[in-house]
């Protein structure tokens, strides 16, 4: 089986030849260049369209939002920013458990785990990819969670949740600590969910 390789944002020379059939590919290449140079927050759909020499409406047509395009550019195996609204919409007393259950049930799927581990390993050791992922998580995940909290330290609370999730992913799926990697989803939800709940609402 061909090994999955995470695309690393970098500067390319030239672009694919013009033509309807490769418009999507041109936009994707332009997005990787733009994210690599401007970062997640600095990149705009309009700038990506200009770099690809297409109308901005085509970027939205092929990829939807900037978060969708970024997920495609880095080969993200899952989209927590898309799942968050539903997770946060349920009973507040169960948010912590729902976050951890979503994370574990998603990462326990073989394809998500394979691609996710590859992405994590690349991101942690790459000076270009690391700030890109940090920017995405800060804007699309931490920002969305903190926006639902009625607290002066909402950003810190959401960041603590992110740190808990990152640590769990690394320990269970990347370095595979034996007891943690063999624990059931229900057991980990019961043990870690209350900690996340405390970060958010304690």
N, C-alpha and C. Protein backbone atom coordinates (compact mmCIF):
# COMPACT_ATOMS: atom_id res chain seq x y z
N UNK A 1 0.84 -1.20 0.00
CA UNK A 1 0.00 0.00 0.00
C UNK A 1 0.88 1.25 0.00
N UNK A 2 0.53 2.22 -0.80
CA UNK A 2 1.33 3.43 -0.89
C UNK A 2 1.27 4.21 0.40
N UNK A 3 2.42 4.65 0.88
CA UNK A 3 2.48 5.39 2.15
C UNK A 3 1.88 6.77 1.98
N UNK A 4 1.05 7.16 2.94
CA UNK A 4 0.44 8.49 2.90
C UNK A 4 1.46 9.55 3.28
N UNK A 5 1.57 10.57 2.47
CA UNK A 5 2.51 11.65 2.72
C UNK A 5 1.73 12.95 2.86
N UNK A 6 1.92 13.64 3.99
CA UNK A 6 1.22 14.90 4.22
C UNK A 6 1.83 16.00 3.38
N UNK A 7 1.01 16.71 2.61
CA UNK A 7 1.56 17.81 1.82
C UNK A 7 2.17 18.88 2.72
N UNK A 8 3.34 19.34 2.40
CA UNK A 8 3.98 20.40 3.16
C UNK A 8 3.90 21.69 2.36
N UNK A 9 3.28 22.75 2.94
CA UNK A 9 3.19 24.00 2.21
C UNK A 9 4.57 24.50 1.81
N UNK A 10 4.73 24.81 0.55
CA UNK A 10 6.01 25.31 0.09
C UNK A 10 5.82 26.12 -1.19
N UNK A 11 6.80 26.86 -1.53
CA UNK A 11 6.75 27.69 -2.73
C UNK A 11 7.00 26.83 -3.96
N UNK A 12 6.08 26.89 -4.93
CA UNK A 12 6.27 26.15 -6.18
C UNK A 12 6.66 27.11 -7.29
N UNK A 13 7.35 26.60 -8.28
CA UNK A 13 7.71 27.40 -9.44
C UNK A 13 6.67 27.17 -10.52
N UNK A 14 6.06 28.26 -10.98
CA UNK A 14 5.05 28.15 -12.03
C UNK A 14 3.77 27.55 -11.51
N UNK A 15 2.89 27.14 -12.43
CA UNK A 15 1.64 26.51 -12.06
C UNK A 15 1.21 25.59 -13.19
N UNK A 16 0.25 24.70 -12.93
CA UNK A 16 -0.22 23.81 -13.98
C UNK A 16 -0.82 24.60 -15.13
N UNK A 17 -0.82 24.08 -16.34
CA UNK A 17 -1.37 24.80 -17.47
C UNK A 17 -2.86 25.07 -17.30
N UNK A 18 -3.32 26.18 -17.94
CA UNK A 18 -4.72 26.57 -17.82
C UNK A 18 -5.62 25.52 -18.44
N UNK A 19 -6.88 25.49 -17.97
CA UNK A 19 -7.84 24.54 -18.52
C UNK A 19 -8.85 24.17 -17.47
N UNK A 20 -10.09 23.96 -17.91
CA UNK A 20 -11.16 23.66 -16.97
C UNK A 20 -10.88 22.41 -16.14
N UNK A 21 -10.26 21.41 -16.77
CA UNK A 21 -10.05 20.14 -16.10
C UNK A 21 -9.10 20.22 -14.92
N UNK A 22 -8.19 21.20 -14.91
CA UNK A 22 -7.24 21.27 -13.79
C UNK A 22 -7.44 22.51 -12.93
N UNK A 23 -8.61 23.16 -13.03
CA UNK A 23 -8.87 24.35 -12.24
C UNK A 23 -8.79 24.05 -10.75
N UNK A 24 -9.38 22.93 -10.35
CA UNK A 24 -9.38 22.58 -8.93
C UNK A 24 -7.95 22.36 -8.43
N UNK A 25 -7.15 21.71 -9.24
CA UNK A 25 -5.76 21.45 -8.86
C UNK A 25 -4.97 22.75 -8.76
N UNK A 26 -5.20 23.67 -9.69
CA UNK A 26 -4.52 24.96 -9.64
C UNK A 26 -4.88 25.71 -8.37
N UNK A 27 -6.16 25.68 -7.99
CA UNK A 27 -6.58 26.36 -6.77
C UNK A 27 -5.92 25.72 -5.56
N UNK A 28 -5.87 24.41 -5.54
CA UNK A 28 -5.26 23.72 -4.40
C UNK A 28 -3.78 24.04 -4.29
N UNK A 29 -3.07 24.05 -5.41
CA UNK A 29 -1.65 24.41 -5.40
C UNK A 29 -1.47 25.85 -4.93
N UNK A 30 -2.34 26.74 -5.40
CA UNK A 30 -2.25 28.14 -4.99
C UNK A 30 -2.52 28.29 -3.50
N UNK A 31 -3.45 27.49 -2.99
CA UNK A 31 -3.77 27.56 -1.56
C UNK A 31 -2.59 27.11 -0.71
N UNK A 32 -1.92 26.04 -1.12
CA UNK A 32 -0.75 25.57 -0.37
C UNK A 32 0.33 26.64 -0.34
N UNK A 33 0.55 27.29 -1.48
CA UNK A 33 1.53 28.38 -1.54
C UNK A 33 1.12 29.54 -0.63
N UNK A 34 -0.15 29.93 -0.72
CA UNK A 34 -0.63 31.09 0.04
C UNK A 34 -0.61 30.82 1.54
N UNK A 35 -1.07 29.64 1.96
CA UNK A 35 -1.02 29.30 3.38
C UNK A 35 0.43 29.25 3.86
N UNK A 36 1.31 28.73 3.03
CA UNK A 36 2.71 28.65 3.42
C UNK A 36 3.35 30.00 3.61
N UNK A 37 2.97 30.98 2.79
CA UNK A 37 3.58 32.31 2.86
C UNK A 37 2.88 33.23 3.86
N UNK A 38 1.55 33.16 3.92
CA UNK A 38 0.80 34.13 4.72
C UNK A 38 0.29 33.56 6.04
N UNK A 39 0.39 32.23 6.23
CA UNK A 39 -0.17 31.63 7.42
C UNK A 39 -1.68 31.45 7.27
N UNK A 40 -2.29 30.76 8.23
CA UNK A 40 -3.72 30.49 8.12
C UNK A 40 -4.53 31.77 8.20
N UNK A 41 -4.25 32.60 9.19
CA UNK A 41 -5.02 33.83 9.37
C UNK A 41 -4.78 34.81 8.23
N UNK A 42 -3.55 34.89 7.73
CA UNK A 42 -3.23 35.87 6.70
C UNK A 42 -3.72 35.51 5.31
N UNK A 43 -3.88 34.22 5.05
CA UNK A 43 -4.34 33.78 3.73
C UNK A 43 -5.83 34.12 3.55
N UNK A 44 -6.19 34.57 2.37
CA UNK A 44 -7.59 34.87 2.06
C UNK A 44 -8.00 34.13 0.80
N UNK A 45 -9.28 33.89 0.70
CA UNK A 45 -9.79 33.21 -0.49
C UNK A 45 -9.53 34.05 -1.74
N UNK A 46 -9.63 35.37 -1.59
CA UNK A 46 -9.40 36.26 -2.74
C UNK A 46 -7.94 36.17 -3.20
N UNK A 47 -7.01 36.15 -2.25
CA UNK A 47 -5.60 36.05 -2.61
C UNK A 47 -5.28 34.70 -3.26
N UNK A 48 -5.91 33.65 -2.75
CA UNK A 48 -5.71 32.33 -3.34
C UNK A 48 -6.25 32.30 -4.77
N UNK A 49 -7.41 32.92 -4.97
CA UNK A 49 -7.99 32.99 -6.32
C UNK A 49 -7.08 33.75 -7.27
N UNK A 50 -6.52 34.87 -6.79
CA UNK A 50 -5.63 35.66 -7.63
C UNK A 50 -4.38 34.86 -7.99
N UNK A 51 -3.85 34.12 -7.03
CA UNK A 51 -2.64 33.33 -7.27
C UNK A 51 -2.93 32.22 -8.29
N UNK A 52 -4.15 31.66 -8.25
CA UNK A 52 -4.53 30.61 -9.19
C UNK A 52 -5.05 31.17 -10.51
N UNK A 53 -5.21 32.51 -10.56
CA UNK A 53 -5.72 33.17 -11.75
C UNK A 53 -7.12 32.68 -12.11
N UNK A 54 -7.99 32.64 -11.06
CA UNK A 54 -9.39 32.27 -11.27
C UNK A 54 -10.27 33.25 -10.52
N UNK A 55 -11.55 33.25 -10.83
CA UNK A 55 -12.50 34.08 -10.11
C UNK A 55 -12.66 33.54 -8.69
N UNK A 56 -12.81 34.45 -7.72
CA UNK A 56 -12.92 34.03 -6.32
C UNK A 56 -14.11 33.09 -6.10
N UNK A 57 -15.17 33.27 -6.90
CA UNK A 57 -16.34 32.42 -6.74
C UNK A 57 -16.00 30.95 -7.01
N UNK A 58 -15.03 30.70 -7.89
CA UNK A 58 -14.64 29.32 -8.19
C UNK A 58 -13.98 28.65 -6.99
N UNK A 59 -13.25 29.41 -6.20
CA UNK A 59 -12.61 28.84 -5.02
C UNK A 59 -13.67 28.33 -4.06
N UNK A 60 -14.71 29.15 -3.85
CA UNK A 60 -15.81 28.73 -2.97
C UNK A 60 -16.58 27.57 -3.60
N UNK A 61 -16.72 27.59 -4.90
CA UNK A 61 -17.46 26.54 -5.59
C UNK A 61 -16.79 25.18 -5.39
N UNK A 62 -15.48 25.13 -5.52
CA UNK A 62 -14.76 23.87 -5.41
C UNK A 62 -14.49 23.45 -3.97
N UNK A 63 -14.28 24.41 -3.07
CA UNK A 63 -13.82 24.06 -1.74
C UNK A 63 -14.67 24.58 -0.58
N UNK A 64 -15.64 25.46 -0.85
CA UNK A 64 -16.46 25.96 0.25
C UNK A 64 -15.75 27.06 1.02
N UNK A 65 -15.49 26.86 2.31
CA UNK A 65 -14.89 27.87 3.16
C UNK A 65 -13.36 27.76 3.17
N UNK A 66 -12.72 28.74 3.78
CA UNK A 66 -11.27 28.69 3.93
C UNK A 66 -10.85 27.48 4.75
N UNK A 67 -11.62 27.16 5.78
CA UNK A 67 -11.31 25.99 6.60
C UNK A 67 -11.40 24.71 5.78
N UNK A 68 -12.41 24.63 4.89
CA UNK A 68 -12.53 23.46 4.02
C UNK A 68 -11.32 23.33 3.10
N UNK A 69 -10.90 24.45 2.54
CA UNK A 69 -9.77 24.45 1.63
C UNK A 69 -8.48 24.09 2.36
N UNK A 70 -8.32 24.61 3.56
CA UNK A 70 -7.13 24.27 4.35
C UNK A 70 -7.10 22.79 4.67
N UNK A 71 -8.24 22.23 5.08
CA UNK A 71 -8.31 20.81 5.38
C UNK A 71 -7.91 19.96 4.20
N UNK A 72 -8.33 20.38 3.00
CA UNK A 72 -7.96 19.66 1.78
C UNK A 72 -6.46 19.82 1.50
N UNK A 73 -5.94 21.01 1.72
CA UNK A 73 -4.54 21.29 1.40
C UNK A 73 -3.57 20.47 2.26
N UNK A 74 -3.91 20.27 3.54
CA UNK A 74 -3.00 19.54 4.42
C UNK A 74 -3.39 18.07 4.56
N UNK A 75 -4.48 17.66 3.89
CA UNK A 75 -4.90 16.27 3.98
C UNK A 75 -5.45 15.91 5.34
N UNK A 76 -6.22 16.83 5.96
CA UNK A 76 -6.77 16.58 7.29
C UNK A 76 -7.71 15.38 7.27
N UNK A 77 -7.54 14.41 8.17
CA UNK A 77 -8.38 13.21 8.16
C UNK A 77 -9.74 13.42 8.81
N UNK A 78 -9.91 14.51 9.56
CA UNK A 78 -11.17 14.80 10.22
C UNK A 78 -11.29 16.30 10.38
N UNK A 79 -12.52 16.78 10.61
CA UNK A 79 -12.77 18.22 10.69
C UNK A 79 -13.48 18.56 11.99
N UNK A 80 -12.73 18.77 13.09
CA UNK A 80 -13.37 19.11 14.36
C UNK A 80 -14.15 20.41 14.30
N UNK A 81 -13.74 21.34 13.44
CA UNK A 81 -14.46 22.61 13.33
C UNK A 81 -15.87 22.40 12.80
N UNK A 82 -16.06 21.37 11.98
CA UNK A 82 -17.39 21.07 11.44
C UNK A 82 -18.25 20.37 12.48
N UNK A 83 -17.65 19.51 13.29
CA UNK A 83 -18.39 18.75 14.30
C UNK A 83 -18.73 19.57 15.54
N UNK A 84 -17.96 20.62 15.82
CA UNK A 84 -18.12 21.37 17.06
C UNK A 84 -19.51 21.95 17.29
N UNK A 85 -20.14 22.56 16.29
CA UNK A 85 -21.46 23.14 16.55
C UNK A 85 -22.45 22.14 17.13
N UNK A 86 -22.47 20.93 16.60
CA UNK A 86 -23.38 19.91 17.13
C UNK A 86 -22.96 19.47 18.52
N UNK A 87 -21.65 19.33 18.74
CA UNK A 87 -21.16 18.92 20.05
C UNK A 87 -21.54 19.95 21.11
N UNK A 88 -21.37 21.22 20.78
CA UNK A 88 -21.62 22.29 21.75
C UNK A 88 -23.10 22.59 21.92
N UNK A 89 -23.94 22.11 20.99
CA UNK A 89 -25.37 22.43 21.04
C UNK A 89 -26.13 21.55 22.02
N UNK A 90 -25.54 20.45 22.43
CA UNK A 90 -26.23 19.54 23.35
C UNK A 90 -26.21 20.05 24.78
N UNK A 91 -26.70 19.23 25.74
CA UNK A 91 -26.70 19.63 27.15
C UNK A 91 -25.31 20.06 27.61
N UNK A 92 -25.23 21.20 28.26
CA UNK A 92 -23.93 21.73 28.67
C UNK A 92 -23.21 20.77 29.62
N UNK A 93 -23.96 20.05 30.43
CA UNK A 93 -23.35 19.17 31.42
C UNK A 93 -22.63 17.98 30.79
N UNK A 94 -22.82 17.76 29.48
CA UNK A 94 -22.23 16.61 28.82
C UNK A 94 -21.21 16.99 27.74
N UNK A 95 -20.90 18.28 27.63
CA UNK A 95 -20.01 18.74 26.56
C UNK A 95 -18.64 18.08 26.63
N UNK A 96 -18.07 18.02 27.83
CA UNK A 96 -16.74 17.42 27.98
C UNK A 96 -16.70 15.98 27.50
N UNK A 97 -17.70 15.21 27.88
CA UNK A 97 -17.76 13.81 27.46
C UNK A 97 -17.99 13.70 25.96
N UNK A 98 -18.82 14.57 25.39
CA UNK A 98 -19.09 14.50 23.96
C UNK A 98 -17.85 14.83 23.14
N UNK A 99 -17.05 15.78 23.61
CA UNK A 99 -15.82 16.13 22.91
C UNK A 99 -14.87 14.94 22.87
N UNK A 100 -14.67 14.31 24.01
CA UNK A 100 -13.74 13.18 24.07
C UNK A 100 -14.27 11.98 23.29
N UNK A 101 -15.56 11.74 23.35
CA UNK A 101 -16.12 10.61 22.60
C UNK A 101 -15.98 10.84 21.09
N UNK A 102 -16.26 12.06 20.65
CA UNK A 102 -16.09 12.36 19.22
C UNK A 102 -14.64 12.13 18.80
N UNK A 103 -13.71 12.62 19.60
CA UNK A 103 -12.29 12.48 19.27
C UNK A 103 -11.88 11.01 19.17
N UNK A 104 -12.23 10.22 20.17
CA UNK A 104 -11.79 8.83 20.22
C UNK A 104 -12.47 7.99 19.14
N UNK A 105 -13.76 8.17 18.96
CA UNK A 105 -14.47 7.38 17.95
C UNK A 105 -13.98 7.71 16.55
N UNK A 106 -13.59 8.96 16.34
CA UNK A 106 -13.05 9.35 15.04
C UNK A 106 -11.66 8.76 14.83
N UNK A 107 -10.77 8.93 15.81
CA UNK A 107 -9.39 8.47 15.67
C UNK A 107 -9.26 6.95 15.73
N UNK A 108 -10.24 6.26 16.27
CA UNK A 108 -10.17 4.80 16.30
C UNK A 108 -10.46 4.19 14.93
N UNK A 109 -10.95 4.98 13.98
CA UNK A 109 -11.16 4.49 12.62
C UNK A 109 -9.79 4.38 11.95
N UNK A 110 -9.48 3.23 11.35
CA UNK A 110 -8.13 2.99 10.82
C UNK A 110 -7.62 4.06 9.85
N UNK A 111 -8.46 4.50 8.92
CA UNK A 111 -7.99 5.48 7.94
C UNK A 111 -7.72 6.84 8.58
N UNK A 112 -8.61 7.25 9.49
CA UNK A 112 -8.40 8.52 10.19
C UNK A 112 -7.12 8.44 11.02
N UNK A 113 -6.93 7.33 11.71
CA UNK A 113 -5.74 7.17 12.55
C UNK A 113 -4.47 7.19 11.72
N UNK A 114 -4.47 6.48 10.59
CA UNK A 114 -3.27 6.42 9.76
C UNK A 114 -2.89 7.80 9.24
N UNK A 115 -3.87 8.51 8.70
CA UNK A 115 -3.59 9.83 8.15
C UNK A 115 -3.34 10.84 9.26
N UNK A 116 -4.06 10.71 10.37
CA UNK A 116 -3.89 11.63 11.48
C UNK A 116 -2.52 11.55 12.11
N UNK A 117 -2.03 10.32 12.30
CA UNK A 117 -0.70 10.14 12.87
C UNK A 117 0.37 10.72 11.94
N UNK A 118 0.20 10.49 10.64
CA UNK A 118 1.16 11.05 9.68
C UNK A 118 1.16 12.57 9.74
N UNK A 119 -0.02 13.16 9.84
CA UNK A 119 -0.13 14.62 9.91
C UNK A 119 0.50 15.15 11.20
N UNK A 120 0.22 14.48 12.32
CA UNK A 120 0.78 14.92 13.60
C UNK A 120 2.30 14.86 13.58
N UNK A 121 2.86 13.78 13.07
CA UNK A 121 4.31 13.64 13.04
C UNK A 121 4.95 14.70 12.16
N UNK A 122 4.31 14.99 11.04
CA UNK A 122 4.84 16.02 10.16
C UNK A 122 4.72 17.40 10.79
N UNK A 123 3.56 17.68 11.38
CA UNK A 123 3.32 19.00 11.95
C UNK A 123 4.26 19.31 13.11
N UNK A 124 4.51 18.31 13.95
CA UNK A 124 5.33 18.55 15.13
C UNK A 124 6.79 18.81 14.79
N UNK A 125 7.23 18.40 13.61
CA UNK A 125 8.63 18.58 13.27
C UNK A 125 8.88 19.49 12.08
N UNK A 126 7.85 20.23 11.65
CA UNK A 126 8.00 21.04 10.45
C UNK A 126 7.74 22.51 10.78
N UNK A 127 8.71 23.36 10.49
CA UNK A 127 8.60 24.77 10.87
C UNK A 127 7.54 25.52 10.08
N UNK A 128 7.12 24.98 8.94
CA UNK A 128 6.07 25.61 8.15
C UNK A 128 4.68 25.09 8.53
N UNK A 129 4.55 23.78 8.69
CA UNK A 129 3.26 23.19 8.97
C UNK A 129 2.78 23.45 10.38
N UNK A 130 3.69 23.48 11.35
CA UNK A 130 3.30 23.68 12.74
C UNK A 130 2.53 24.97 12.95
N UNK A 131 3.04 26.14 12.54
CA UNK A 131 2.26 27.37 12.73
C UNK A 131 0.97 27.40 11.93
N UNK A 132 0.93 26.71 10.79
CA UNK A 132 -0.30 26.65 10.01
C UNK A 132 -1.39 25.93 10.79
N UNK A 133 -1.06 24.77 11.34
CA UNK A 133 -2.04 24.02 12.12
C UNK A 133 -2.42 24.77 13.38
N UNK A 134 -1.45 25.44 13.99
CA UNK A 134 -1.75 26.23 15.19
C UNK A 134 -2.73 27.35 14.86
N UNK A 135 -2.53 28.00 13.72
CA UNK A 135 -3.43 29.06 13.30
C UNK A 135 -4.83 28.55 13.04
N UNK A 136 -4.91 27.40 12.37
CA UNK A 136 -6.22 26.79 12.10
C UNK A 136 -6.93 26.45 13.40
N UNK A 137 -6.23 25.78 14.32
CA UNK A 137 -6.84 25.38 15.58
C UNK A 137 -7.25 26.59 16.41
N UNK A 138 -6.40 27.63 16.41
CA UNK A 138 -6.71 28.83 17.19
C UNK A 138 -7.98 29.51 16.69
N UNK A 139 -8.10 29.63 15.37
CA UNK A 139 -9.24 30.33 14.79
C UNK A 139 -10.50 29.47 14.74
N UNK A 140 -10.36 28.26 14.21
CA UNK A 140 -11.54 27.45 13.90
C UNK A 140 -12.02 26.55 15.04
N UNK A 141 -11.13 26.22 15.98
CA UNK A 141 -11.53 25.32 17.06
C UNK A 141 -11.55 26.06 18.40
N UNK A 142 -10.38 26.54 18.84
CA UNK A 142 -10.33 27.24 20.13
C UNK A 142 -11.22 28.47 20.11
N UNK A 143 -11.18 29.21 19.00
CA UNK A 143 -12.01 30.41 18.90
C UNK A 143 -13.49 30.11 18.98
N UNK A 144 -13.92 29.02 18.36
CA UNK A 144 -15.34 28.66 18.38
C UNK A 144 -15.77 28.20 19.77
N UNK A 145 -14.92 27.42 20.43
CA UNK A 145 -15.26 26.95 21.77
C UNK A 145 -15.31 28.12 22.74
N UNK A 146 -14.28 28.97 22.71
CA UNK A 146 -14.23 30.10 23.65
C UNK A 146 -15.38 31.07 23.42
N UNK A 147 -15.86 31.15 22.17
CA UNK A 147 -16.98 32.05 21.86
C UNK A 147 -18.28 31.64 22.51
N UNK A 148 -18.36 30.39 22.97
CA UNK A 148 -19.59 29.93 23.63
C UNK A 148 -19.51 30.05 25.14
N UNK A 149 -18.36 30.44 25.65
CA UNK A 149 -18.15 30.49 27.11
C UNK A 149 -18.37 31.90 27.64
N UNK A 150 -19.12 32.00 28.70
CA UNK A 150 -19.35 33.29 29.36
C UNK A 150 -18.34 33.43 30.50
N UNK A 151 -17.10 33.71 30.12
CA UNK A 151 -16.02 33.76 31.10
C UNK A 151 -14.93 34.69 30.61
N UNK A 152 -14.28 35.38 31.55
CA UNK A 152 -13.20 36.30 31.19
C UNK A 152 -11.96 35.54 30.69
N UNK A 153 -11.82 34.29 31.09
CA UNK A 153 -10.66 33.49 30.67
C UNK A 153 -11.06 32.41 29.66
N UNK A 154 -12.01 32.74 28.80
CA UNK A 154 -12.55 31.76 27.85
C UNK A 154 -11.47 31.19 26.94
N UNK A 155 -10.55 32.06 26.46
CA UNK A 155 -9.48 31.58 25.57
C UNK A 155 -8.58 30.58 26.28
N UNK A 156 -8.26 30.85 27.54
CA UNK A 156 -7.42 29.94 28.30
C UNK A 156 -8.14 28.61 28.52
N UNK A 157 -9.41 28.67 28.87
CA UNK A 157 -10.18 27.44 29.08
C UNK A 157 -10.21 26.58 27.82
N UNK A 158 -10.49 27.21 26.68
CA UNK A 158 -10.54 26.47 25.43
C UNK A 158 -9.16 25.93 25.06
N UNK A 159 -8.11 26.69 25.37
CA UNK A 159 -6.75 26.23 25.07
C UNK A 159 -6.36 25.04 25.95
N UNK A 160 -6.83 25.03 27.19
CA UNK A 160 -6.58 23.88 28.07
C UNK A 160 -7.25 22.63 27.52
N UNK A 161 -8.45 22.79 26.98
CA UNK A 161 -9.13 21.66 26.35
C UNK A 161 -8.30 21.16 25.17
N UNK A 162 -7.81 22.09 24.35
CA UNK A 162 -6.99 21.72 23.20
C UNK A 162 -5.73 20.98 23.63
N UNK A 163 -5.12 21.42 24.73
CA UNK A 163 -3.91 20.76 25.22
C UNK A 163 -4.21 19.34 25.70
N UNK A 164 -5.36 19.18 26.33
CA UNK A 164 -5.76 17.84 26.79
C UNK A 164 -5.97 16.90 25.61
N UNK A 165 -6.62 17.42 24.57
CA UNK A 165 -6.88 16.62 23.37
C UNK A 165 -5.58 16.26 22.66
N UNK A 166 -4.70 17.25 22.51
CA UNK A 166 -3.42 17.00 21.83
C UNK A 166 -2.62 15.95 22.58
N UNK A 167 -2.59 16.05 23.90
CA UNK A 167 -1.85 15.08 24.69
C UNK A 167 -2.43 13.68 24.56
N UNK A 168 -3.76 13.59 24.53
CA UNK A 168 -4.41 12.30 24.40
C UNK A 168 -4.11 11.68 23.04
N UNK A 169 -4.16 12.48 21.99
CA UNK A 169 -3.86 11.96 20.65
C UNK A 169 -2.43 11.42 20.57
N UNK A 170 -1.48 12.21 21.08
CA UNK A 170 -0.09 11.79 21.02
C UNK A 170 0.13 10.52 21.84
N UNK A 171 -0.41 10.48 23.05
CA UNK A 171 -0.17 9.35 23.94
C UNK A 171 -0.85 8.07 23.47
N UNK A 172 -2.07 8.18 22.93
CA UNK A 172 -2.82 6.98 22.54
C UNK A 172 -2.49 6.50 21.13
N UNK A 173 -2.27 7.44 20.22
CA UNK A 173 -2.16 7.05 18.81
C UNK A 173 -0.76 7.21 18.21
N UNK A 174 0.05 8.11 18.75
CA UNK A 174 1.37 8.33 18.17
C UNK A 174 2.43 7.49 18.89
N UNK A 175 2.60 7.71 20.19
CA UNK A 175 3.59 6.90 20.91
C UNK A 175 2.98 5.63 21.51
N UNK A 176 1.65 5.57 21.56
CA UNK A 176 0.90 4.36 21.95
C UNK A 176 1.31 3.82 23.31
N UNK A 177 1.11 4.61 24.35
CA UNK A 177 1.31 4.11 25.70
C UNK A 177 0.38 2.92 25.90
N UNK A 178 0.90 1.76 26.33
CA UNK A 178 0.12 0.51 26.33
C UNK A 178 -1.24 0.59 27.02
N UNK A 179 -1.26 1.02 28.27
CA UNK A 179 -2.53 1.04 29.00
C UNK A 179 -3.53 1.98 28.35
N UNK A 180 -3.03 3.11 27.86
CA UNK A 180 -3.91 4.09 27.24
C UNK A 180 -4.41 3.62 25.88
N UNK A 181 -3.54 3.01 25.11
CA UNK A 181 -3.93 2.58 23.77
C UNK A 181 -4.89 1.40 23.81
N UNK A 182 -4.89 0.64 24.92
CA UNK A 182 -5.78 -0.52 25.03
C UNK A 182 -7.06 -0.21 25.78
N UNK A 183 -7.16 0.96 26.39
CA UNK A 183 -8.36 1.31 27.14
C UNK A 183 -9.53 1.52 26.18
N UNK A 184 -10.73 1.21 26.64
CA UNK A 184 -11.92 1.37 25.81
C UNK A 184 -12.30 2.84 25.70
N UNK A 185 -13.07 3.14 24.68
CA UNK A 185 -13.56 4.51 24.50
C UNK A 185 -14.39 4.92 25.71
N UNK A 186 -15.28 4.05 26.16
CA UNK A 186 -16.16 4.40 27.27
C UNK A 186 -15.35 4.71 28.54
N UNK A 187 -14.31 3.92 28.79
CA UNK A 187 -13.50 4.16 29.99
C UNK A 187 -12.80 5.51 29.92
N UNK A 188 -12.23 5.84 28.76
CA UNK A 188 -11.52 7.10 28.63
C UNK A 188 -12.48 8.29 28.66
N UNK A 189 -13.65 8.12 28.08
CA UNK A 189 -14.66 9.19 28.14
C UNK A 189 -15.03 9.46 29.59
N UNK A 190 -15.21 8.38 30.36
CA UNK A 190 -15.57 8.54 31.77
C UNK A 190 -14.49 9.17 32.61
N UNK A 191 -13.22 8.94 32.25
CA UNK A 191 -12.12 9.48 33.04
C UNK A 191 -11.68 10.87 32.59
N UNK A 192 -11.67 11.11 31.28
CA UNK A 192 -11.15 12.37 30.76
C UNK A 192 -12.25 13.41 30.55
N UNK A 193 -13.45 12.95 30.24
CA UNK A 193 -14.56 13.87 30.00
C UNK A 193 -14.77 14.88 31.13
N UNK A 194 -14.80 14.42 32.40
CA UNK A 194 -14.99 15.37 33.50
C UNK A 194 -13.87 16.42 33.59
N UNK A 195 -12.64 16.04 33.23
CA UNK A 195 -11.54 17.01 33.25
C UNK A 195 -11.78 18.11 32.21
N UNK A 196 -12.18 17.71 31.00
CA UNK A 196 -12.50 18.69 29.95
C UNK A 196 -13.68 19.54 30.38
N UNK A 197 -14.67 18.92 30.99
CA UNK A 197 -15.85 19.66 31.47
C UNK A 197 -15.42 20.72 32.50
N UNK A 198 -14.49 20.34 33.36
CA UNK A 198 -14.00 21.29 34.37
C UNK A 198 -13.24 22.44 33.76
N UNK A 199 -12.45 22.17 32.72
CA UNK A 199 -11.76 23.25 32.03
C UNK A 199 -12.76 24.26 31.46
N UNK A 200 -13.84 23.75 30.91
CA UNK A 200 -14.79 24.63 30.24
C UNK A 200 -15.70 25.38 31.19
N UNK A 201 -16.22 24.68 32.19
CA UNK A 201 -17.28 25.27 33.00
C UNK A 201 -17.01 25.26 34.49
N UNK A 202 -15.86 24.72 34.92
CA UNK A 202 -15.58 24.63 36.33
C UNK A 202 -15.21 25.97 36.97
